[in-house]
PDB file of N, CA and C in Angstrom:
ATOM      1  N   UNK A   1      -5.433 -35.146 -19.928  1.00  0.00           N
ATOM      2  CA  UNK A   1      -6.086 -33.929 -20.402  1.00  0.00           C
ATOM      3  C   UNK A   1      -5.006 -32.994 -20.951  1.00  0.00           C
ATOM      4  N   UNK A   2      -5.222 -32.518 -22.158  1.00  0.00           N
ATOM      5  CA  UNK A   2      -4.346 -31.519 -22.749  1.00  0.00           C
ATOM      6  C   UNK A   2      -4.997 -30.161 -22.523  1.00  0.00           C
ATOM      7  N   UNK A   3      -4.377 -29.331 -21.711  1.00  0.00           N
ATOM      8  CA  UNK A   3      -4.890 -27.996 -21.411  1.00  0.00           C
ATOM      9  C   UNK A   3      -4.273 -27.001 -22.390  1.00  0.00           C
ATOM     10  N   UNK A   4      -5.052 -26.578 -23.367  1.00  0.00           N
ATOM     11  CA  UNK A   4      -4.591 -25.611 -24.346  1.00  0.00           C
ATOM     12  C   UNK A   4      -4.776 -24.212 -23.779  1.00  0.00           C
ATOM     13  N   UNK A   5      -5.973 -23.921 -23.329  1.00  0.00           N
ATOM     14  CA  UNK A   5      -6.312 -22.679 -22.641  1.00  0.00           C
ATOM     15  C   UNK A   5      -7.340 -23.059 -21.573  1.00  0.00           C
ATOM     16  N   UNK A   6      -7.707 -22.145 -20.685  1.00  0.00           N
ATOM     17  CA  UNK A   6      -8.774 -22.482 -19.737  1.00  0.00           C
ATOM     18  C   UNK A   6     -10.089 -22.858 -20.435  1.00  0.00           C
ATOM     19  N   UNK A   7     -10.301 -22.344 -21.644  1.00  0.00           N
ATOM     20  CA  UNK A   7     -11.523 -22.624 -22.403  1.00  0.00           C
ATOM     21  C   UNK A   7     -11.426 -23.928 -23.192  1.00  0.00           C
ATOM     22  N   UNK A   8     -10.211 -24.293 -23.607  1.00  0.00           N
ATOM     23  CA  UNK A   8     -10.018 -25.467 -24.462  1.00  0.00           C
ATOM     24  C   UNK A   8      -9.196 -26.515 -23.721  1.00  0.00           C
ATOM     25  N   UNK A   9      -9.862 -27.619 -23.390  1.00  0.00           N
ATOM     26  CA  UNK A   9      -9.211 -28.744 -22.734  1.00  0.00           C
ATOM     27  C   UNK A   9      -9.623 -30.013 -23.470  1.00  0.00           C
ATOM     28  N   UNK A  10      -8.636 -30.745 -23.969  1.00  0.00           N
ATOM     29  CA  UNK A  10      -8.913 -31.918 -24.790  1.00  0.00           C
ATOM     30  C   UNK A  10      -8.509 -33.175 -24.027  1.00  0.00           C
ATOM     31  N   UNK A  11      -9.446 -34.096 -23.789  1.00  0.00           N
ATOM     32  CA  UNK A  11      -9.103 -35.348 -23.121  1.00  0.00           C
ATOM     33  C   UNK A  11      -8.144 -36.172 -23.983  1.00  0.00           C
ATOM     34  N   UNK A  12      -7.213 -36.846 -23.343  1.00  0.00           N
ATOM     35  CA  UNK A  12      -6.216 -37.617 -24.077  1.00  0.00           C
ATOM     36  C   UNK A  12      -6.821 -38.768 -24.871  1.00  0.00           C
ATOM     37  N   UNK A  13      -8.017 -39.227 -24.498  1.00  0.00           N
ATOM     38  CA  UNK A  13      -8.619 -40.331 -25.250  1.00  0.00           C
ATOM     39  C   UNK A  13      -9.117 -39.904 -26.634  1.00  0.00           C
ATOM     40  N   UNK A  14      -9.088 -38.606 -26.940  1.00  0.00           N
ATOM     41  CA  UNK A  14      -9.418 -38.148 -28.292  1.00  0.00           C
ATOM     42  C   UNK A  14      -8.239 -38.332 -29.244  1.00  0.00           C
ATOM     43  N   UNK A  15      -7.066 -38.545 -28.694  1.00  0.00           N
ATOM     44  CA  UNK A  15      -5.862 -38.736 -29.503  1.00  0.00           C
ATOM     45  C   UNK A  15      -5.585 -40.225 -29.655  1.00  0.00           C
ATOM     46  N   UNK A  16      -5.209 -40.619 -30.859  1.00  0.00           N
ATOM     47  CA  UNK A  16      -4.838 -42.010 -31.112  1.00  0.00           C
ATOM     48  C   UNK A  16      -3.346 -42.036 -31.439  1.00  0.00           C
ATOM     49  N   UNK A  17      -2.590 -42.778 -30.669  1.00  0.00           N
ATOM     50  CA  UNK A  17      -1.152 -42.900 -30.888  1.00  0.00           C
ATOM     51  C   UNK A  17      -0.832 -44.292 -31.403  1.00  0.00           C
ATOM     52  N   UNK A  18      -0.020 -44.354 -32.454  1.00  0.00           N
ATOM     53  CA  UNK A  18       0.483 -45.620 -32.964  1.00  0.00           C
ATOM     54  C   UNK A  18       1.979 -45.469 -33.205  1.00  0.00           C
ATOM     55  N   UNK A  19       2.639 -46.599 -33.313  1.00  0.00           N
ATOM     56  CA  UNK A  19       4.084 -46.606 -33.515  1.00  0.00           C
ATOM     57  C   UNK A  19       4.414 -47.546 -34.657  1.00  0.00           C
ATOM     58  N   UNK A  20       5.396 -47.163 -35.457  1.00  0.00           N
ATOM     59  CA  UNK A  20       5.764 -47.958 -36.623  1.00  0.00           C
ATOM     60  C   UNK A  20       7.268 -47.881 -36.832  1.00  0.00           C
ATOM     61  N   UNK A  21       7.740 -48.709 -37.720  1.00  0.00           N
ATOM     62  CA  UNK A  21       9.159 -48.669 -38.044  1.00  0.00           C
ATOM     63  C   UNK A  21       9.437 -47.452 -38.912  1.00  0.00           C
ATOM     64  N   UNK A  22      10.477 -46.757 -38.574  1.00  0.00           N
ATOM     65  CA  UNK A  22      10.875 -45.572 -39.313  1.00  0.00           C
ATOM     66  C   UNK A  22      11.623 -46.001 -40.574  1.00  0.00           C
ATOM     67  N   UNK A  23      11.386 -45.317 -41.670  1.00  0.00           N
ATOM     68  CA  UNK A  23      12.059 -45.652 -42.920  1.00  0.00           C
ATOM     69  C   UNK A  23      13.305 -44.822 -43.127  1.00  0.00           C
ATOM     70  N   UNK A  24      14.033 -45.144 -44.165  1.00  0.00           N
ATOM     71  CA  UNK A  24      15.209 -44.372 -44.521  1.00  0.00           C
ATOM     72  C   UNK A  24      16.465 -44.883 -43.850  1.00  0.00           C
ATOM     73  N   UNK A  25      17.588 -44.219 -44.121  1.00  0.00           N
ATOM     74  CA  UNK A  25      18.856 -44.660 -43.549  1.00  0.00           C
ATOM     75  C   UNK A  25      18.894 -44.426 -42.041  1.00  0.00           C
ATOM     76  N   UNK A  26      19.701 -45.225 -41.392  1.00  0.00           N
ATOM     77  CA  UNK A  26      19.824 -45.084 -39.947  1.00  0.00           C
ATOM     78  C   UNK A  26      20.793 -46.092 -39.398  1.00  0.00           C
ATOM     79  N   UNK A  27      20.782 -46.248 -38.127  1.00  0.00           N
ATOM     80  CA  UNK A  27      21.696 -47.171 -37.457  1.00  0.00           C
ATOM     81  C   UNK A  27      21.237 -48.607 -37.560  1.00  0.00           C
ATOM     82  N   UNK A  28      21.840 -49.448 -36.768  1.00  0.00           N
ATOM     83  CA  UNK A  28      21.587 -50.887 -36.806  1.00  0.00           C
ATOM     84  C   UNK A  28      20.130 -51.232 -36.494  1.00  0.00           C
ATOM     85  N   UNK A  29      19.457 -50.458 -35.662  1.00  0.00           N
ATOM     86  CA  UNK A  29      18.118 -50.807 -35.204  1.00  0.00           C
ATOM     87  C   UNK A  29      16.995 -50.196 -36.023  1.00  0.00           C
ATOM     88  N   UNK A  30      17.321 -49.469 -37.097  1.00  0.00           N
ATOM     89  CA  UNK A  30      16.283 -48.726 -37.814  1.00  0.00           C
ATOM     90  C   UNK A  30      15.187 -49.642 -38.368  1.00  0.00           C
ATOM     91  N   UNK A  31      15.517 -50.844 -38.770  1.00  0.00           N
ATOM     92  CA  UNK A  31      14.516 -51.747 -39.335  1.00  0.00           C
ATOM     93  C   UNK A  31      13.973 -52.732 -38.315  1.00  0.00           C
ATOM     94  N   UNK A  32      14.373 -52.610 -37.055  1.00  0.00           N
ATOM     95  CA  UNK A  32      13.958 -53.558 -36.026  1.00  0.00           C
ATOM     96  C   UNK A  32      13.110 -52.930 -34.932  1.00  0.00           C
ATOM     97  N   UNK A  33      13.163 -51.619 -34.805  1.00  0.00           N
ATOM     98  CA  UNK A  33      12.541 -50.932 -33.678  1.00  0.00           C
ATOM     99  C   UNK A  33      11.443 -49.995 -34.176  1.00  0.00           C
ATOM    100  N   UNK A  34      10.321 -49.977 -33.487  1.00  0.00           N
ATOM    101  CA  UNK A  34       9.247 -49.035 -33.816  1.00  0.00           C
ATOM    102  C   UNK A  34       9.631 -47.658 -33.284  1.00  0.00           C
ATOM    103  N   UNK A  35      10.281 -46.868 -34.137  1.00  0.00           N
ATOM    104  CA  UNK A  35      10.809 -45.577 -33.697  1.00  0.00           C
ATOM    105  C   UNK A  35      10.053 -44.385 -34.289  1.00  0.00           C
ATOM    106  N   UNK A  36       9.001 -44.631 -35.041  1.00  0.00           N
ATOM    107  CA  UNK A  36       8.192 -43.546 -35.613  1.00  0.00           C
ATOM    108  C   UNK A  36       6.872 -43.478 -34.842  1.00  0.00           C
ATOM    109  N   UNK A  37       6.575 -42.308 -34.308  1.00  0.00           N
ATOM    110  CA  UNK A  37       5.324 -42.106 -33.572  1.00  0.00           C
ATOM    111  C   UNK A  37       4.334 -41.378 -34.479  1.00  0.00           C
ATOM    112  N   UNK A  38       3.085 -41.835 -34.466  1.00  0.00           N
ATOM    113  CA  UNK A  38       2.028 -41.235 -35.281  1.00  0.00           C
ATOM    114  C   UNK A  38       0.857 -40.896 -34.368  1.00  0.00           C
ATOM    115  N   UNK A  39       0.392 -39.649 -34.453  1.00  0.00           N
ATOM    116  CA  UNK A  39      -0.753 -39.225 -33.660  1.00  0.00           C
ATOM    117  C   UNK A  39      -1.870 -38.781 -34.593  1.00  0.00           C
ATOM    118  N   UNK A  40      -3.069 -39.255 -34.328  1.00  0.00           N
ATOM    119  CA  UNK A  40      -4.266 -38.841 -35.074  1.00  0.00           C
ATOM    120  C   UNK A  40      -5.240 -38.182 -34.104  1.00  0.00           C
ATOM    121  N   UNK A  41      -5.831 -37.099 -34.581  1.00  0.00           N
ATOM    122  CA  UNK A  41      -6.855 -36.410 -33.800  1.00  0.00           C
ATOM    123  C   UNK A  41      -7.918 -35.923 -34.774  1.00  0.00           C
ATOM    124  N   UNK A  42      -9.149 -36.337 -34.578  1.00  0.00           N
ATOM    125  CA  UNK A  42     -10.217 -35.947 -35.482  1.00  0.00           C
ATOM    126  C   UNK A  42     -10.723 -34.552 -35.102  1.00  0.00           C
ATOM    127  N   UNK A  43     -10.241 -33.578 -35.843  1.00  0.00           N
ATOM    128  CA  UNK A  43     -10.563 -32.170 -35.585  1.00  0.00           C
ATOM    129  C   UNK A  43     -12.037 -31.888 -35.845  1.00  0.00           C
ATOM    130  N   UNK A  44     -12.584 -32.480 -36.880  1.00  0.00           N
ATOM    131  CA  UNK A  44     -13.952 -32.144 -37.297  1.00  0.00           C
ATOM    132  C   UNK A  44     -15.013 -32.675 -36.351  1.00  0.00           C
ATOM    133  N   UNK A  45     -14.714 -33.740 -35.599  1.00  0.00           N
ATOM    134  CA  UNK A  45     -15.722 -34.312 -34.699  1.00  0.00           C
ATOM    135  C   UNK A  45     -15.369 -34.159 -33.226  1.00  0.00           C
ATOM    136  N   UNK A  46     -14.295 -33.477 -32.914  1.00  0.00           N
ATOM    137  CA  UNK A  46     -13.884 -33.319 -31.518  1.00  0.00           C
ATOM    138  C   UNK A  46     -14.919 -32.504 -30.739  1.00  0.00           C
ATOM    139  N   UNK A  47     -15.503 -33.099 -29.691  1.00  0.00           N
ATOM    140  CA  UNK A  47     -16.474 -32.354 -28.891  1.00  0.00           C
ATOM    141  C   UNK A  47     -15.817 -31.315 -27.980  1.00  0.00           C
ATOM    142  N   UNK A  48     -14.506 -31.382 -27.852  1.00  0.00           N
ATOM    143  CA  UNK A  48     -13.779 -30.479 -26.955  1.00  0.00           C
ATOM    144  C   UNK A  48     -13.418 -29.158 -27.609  1.00  0.00           C
ATOM    145  N   UNK A  49     -13.603 -29.065 -28.908  1.00  0.00           N
ATOM    146  CA  UNK A  49     -13.204 -27.868 -29.634  1.00  0.00           C
ATOM    147  C   UNK A  49     -14.426 -27.007 -29.936  1.00  0.00           C
ATOM    148  N   UNK A  50     -14.456 -25.770 -29.426  1.00  0.00           N
ATOM    149  CA  UNK A  50     -15.574 -24.875 -29.751  1.00  0.00           C
ATOM    150  C   UNK A  50     -15.645 -24.618 -31.262  1.00  0.00           C
ATOM    151  N   UNK A  51     -16.840 -24.409 -31.772  1.00  0.00           N
ATOM    152  CA  UNK A  51     -17.030 -24.254 -33.217  1.00  0.00           C
ATOM    153  C   UNK A  51     -16.198 -23.129 -33.815  1.00  0.00           C
ATOM    154  N   UNK A  52     -16.097 -21.992 -33.113  1.00  0.00           N
ATOM    155  CA  UNK A  52     -15.326 -20.877 -33.663  1.00  0.00           C
ATOM    156  C   UNK A  52     -13.844 -21.220 -33.756  1.00  0.00           C
ATOM    157  N   UNK A  53     -13.342 -21.963 -32.792  1.00  0.00           N
ATOM    158  CA  UNK A  53     -11.935 -22.370 -32.799  1.00  0.00           C
ATOM    159  C   UNK A  53     -11.706 -23.410 -33.892  1.00  0.00           C
ATOM    160  N   UNK A  54     -12.657 -24.340 -34.055  1.00  0.00           N
ATOM    161  CA  UNK A  54     -12.549 -25.362 -35.104  1.00  0.00           C
ATOM    162  C   UNK A  54     -12.483 -24.702 -36.483  1.00  0.00           C
ATOM    163  N   UNK A  55     -13.342 -23.717 -36.731  1.00  0.00           N
ATOM    164  CA  UNK A  55     -13.341 -23.024 -38.020  1.00  0.00           C
ATOM    165  C   UNK A  55     -12.020 -22.314 -38.272  1.00  0.00           C
ATOM    166  N   UNK A  56     -11.492 -21.653 -37.242  1.00  0.00           N
ATOM    167  CA  UNK A  56     -10.203 -20.972 -37.370  1.00  0.00           C
ATOM    168  C   UNK A  56      -9.081 -21.974 -37.610  1.00  0.00           C
ATOM    169  N   UNK A  57      -9.117 -23.086 -36.876  1.00  0.00           N
ATOM    170  CA  UNK A  57      -8.099 -24.121 -37.029  1.00  0.00           C
ATOM    171  C   UNK A  57      -8.114 -24.683 -38.442  1.00  0.00           C
ATOM    172  N   UNK A  58      -9.309 -25.026 -38.949  1.00  0.00           N
ATOM    173  CA  UNK A  58      -9.413 -25.586 -40.289  1.00  0.00           C
ATOM    174  C   UNK A  58      -9.036 -24.565 -41.359  1.00  0.00           C
ATOM    175  N   UNK A  59      -9.309 -23.295 -41.106  1.00  0.00           N
ATOM    176  CA  UNK A  59      -8.904 -22.258 -42.049  1.00  0.00           C
ATOM    177  C   UNK A  59      -7.396 -22.120 -42.135  1.00  0.00           C
ATOM    178  N   UNK A  60      -6.733 -22.311 -41.013  1.00  0.00           N
ATOM    179  CA  UNK A  60      -5.277 -22.179 -40.974  1.00  0.00           C
ATOM    180  C   UNK A  60      -4.570 -23.467 -41.369  1.00  0.00           C
ATOM    181  N   UNK A  61      -5.038 -24.599 -40.844  1.00  0.00           N
ATOM    182  CA  UNK A  61      -4.346 -25.875 -41.040  1.00  0.00           C
ATOM    183  C   UNK A  61      -5.154 -26.874 -41.863  1.00  0.00           C
ATOM    184  N   UNK A  62      -6.159 -26.432 -42.583  1.00  0.00           N
ATOM    185  CA  UNK A  62      -7.023 -27.318 -43.341  1.00  0.00           C
ATOM    186  C   UNK A  62      -6.287 -28.193 -44.340  1.00  0.00           C
ATOM    187  N   UNK A  63      -5.192 -27.690 -44.901  1.00  0.00           N
ATOM    188  CA  UNK A  63      -4.440 -28.485 -45.873  1.00  0.00           C
ATOM    189  C   UNK A  63      -3.731 -29.663 -45.207  1.00  0.00           C
ATOM    190  N   UNK A  64      -3.607 -29.652 -43.896  1.00  0.00           N
ATOM    191  CA  UNK A  64      -2.948 -30.739 -43.169  1.00  0.00           C
ATOM    192  C   UNK A  64      -3.941 -31.749 -42.603  1.00  0.00           C
ATOM    193  N   UNK A  65      -5.227 -31.482 -42.777  1.00  0.00           N
ATOM    194  CA  UNK A  65      -6.273 -32.370 -42.267  1.00  0.00           C
ATOM    195  C   UNK A  65      -6.675 -33.337 -43.374  1.00  0.00           C
ATOM    196  N   UNK A  66      -6.747 -34.624 -43.049  1.00  0.00           N
ATOM    197  CA  UNK A  66      -7.111 -35.649 -44.026  1.00  0.00           C
ATOM    198  C   UNK A  66      -8.585 -35.543 -44.401  1.00  0.00           C
ATOM    199  N   UNK A  67      -8.980 -36.238 -45.436  1.00  0.00           N
ATOM    200  CA  UNK A  67     -10.369 -36.232 -45.900  1.00  0.00           C
ATOM    201  C   UNK A  67     -11.312 -36.772 -44.811  1.00  0.00           C
ATOM    202  N   UNK A  68     -10.804 -37.605 -43.915  1.00  0.00           N
ATOM    203  CA  UNK A  68     -11.618 -38.157 -42.834  1.00  0.00           C
ATOM    204  C   UNK A  68     -11.835 -37.145 -41.715  1.00  0.00           C
ATOM    205  N   UNK A  69     -11.150 -36.007 -41.770  1.00  0.00           N
ATOM    206  CA  UNK A  69     -11.262 -34.993 -40.734  1.00  0.00           C
ATOM    207  C   UNK A  69     -10.204 -35.096 -39.661  1.00  0.00           C
ATOM    208  N   UNK A  70      -9.274 -36.035 -39.848  1.00  0.00           N
ATOM    209  CA  UNK A  70      -8.238 -36.258 -38.844  1.00  0.00           C
ATOM    210  C   UNK A  70      -6.973 -35.464 -39.152  1.00  0.00           C
ATOM    211  N   UNK A  71      -6.393 -34.914 -38.116  1.00  0.00           N
ATOM    212  CA  UNK A  71      -5.075 -34.298 -38.213  1.00  0.00           C
ATOM    213  C   UNK A  71      -4.073 -35.403 -37.903  1.00  0.00           C
ATOM    214  N   UNK A  72      -3.078 -35.549 -38.772  1.00  0.00           N
ATOM    215  CA  UNK A  72      -2.084 -36.607 -38.640  1.00  0.00           C
ATOM    216  C   UNK A  72      -0.733 -35.949 -38.414  1.00  0.00           C
ATOM    217  N   UNK A  73      -0.088 -36.298 -37.304  1.00  0.00           N
ATOM    218  CA  UNK A  73       1.231 -35.766 -36.987  1.00  0.00           C
ATOM    219  C   UNK A  73       2.159 -36.950 -36.776  1.00  0.00           C
ATOM    220  N   UNK A  74       3.322 -36.919 -37.459  1.00  0.00           N
ATOM    221  CA  UNK A  74       4.298 -37.989 -37.303  1.00  0.00           C
ATOM    222  C   UNK A  74       5.624 -37.432 -36.815  1.00  0.00           C
ATOM    223  N   UNK A  75       6.343 -38.264 -36.106  1.00  0.00           N
ATOM    224  CA  UNK A  75       7.684 -37.920 -35.648  1.00  0.00           C
ATOM    225  C   UNK A  75       8.570 -39.141 -35.844  1.00  0.00           C
ATOM    226  N   UNK A  76       9.654 -38.953 -36.575  1.00  0.00           N
ATOM    227  CA  UNK A  76      10.561 -40.071 -36.836  1.00  0.00           C
ATOM    228  C   UNK A  76      11.893 -39.826 -36.173  1.00  0.00           C
TER     229      UNK A  76
END
């Protein structure tokens, strides 16, 4: 459970985590190890997000939400 506030609590099963090989220059293991983490969370269909918060979130971060309604965050 991700506790954002007492009002907003998101179960971890709403998040999808995948791992992939990181691109670009790097050390010996850059092409052998899955070192890039990708998280997807469908903001538009999340039952844990109150409607007013969803509208505010999409107004602020809407350009980062994919056409499918998913927020995609990567870390390399």
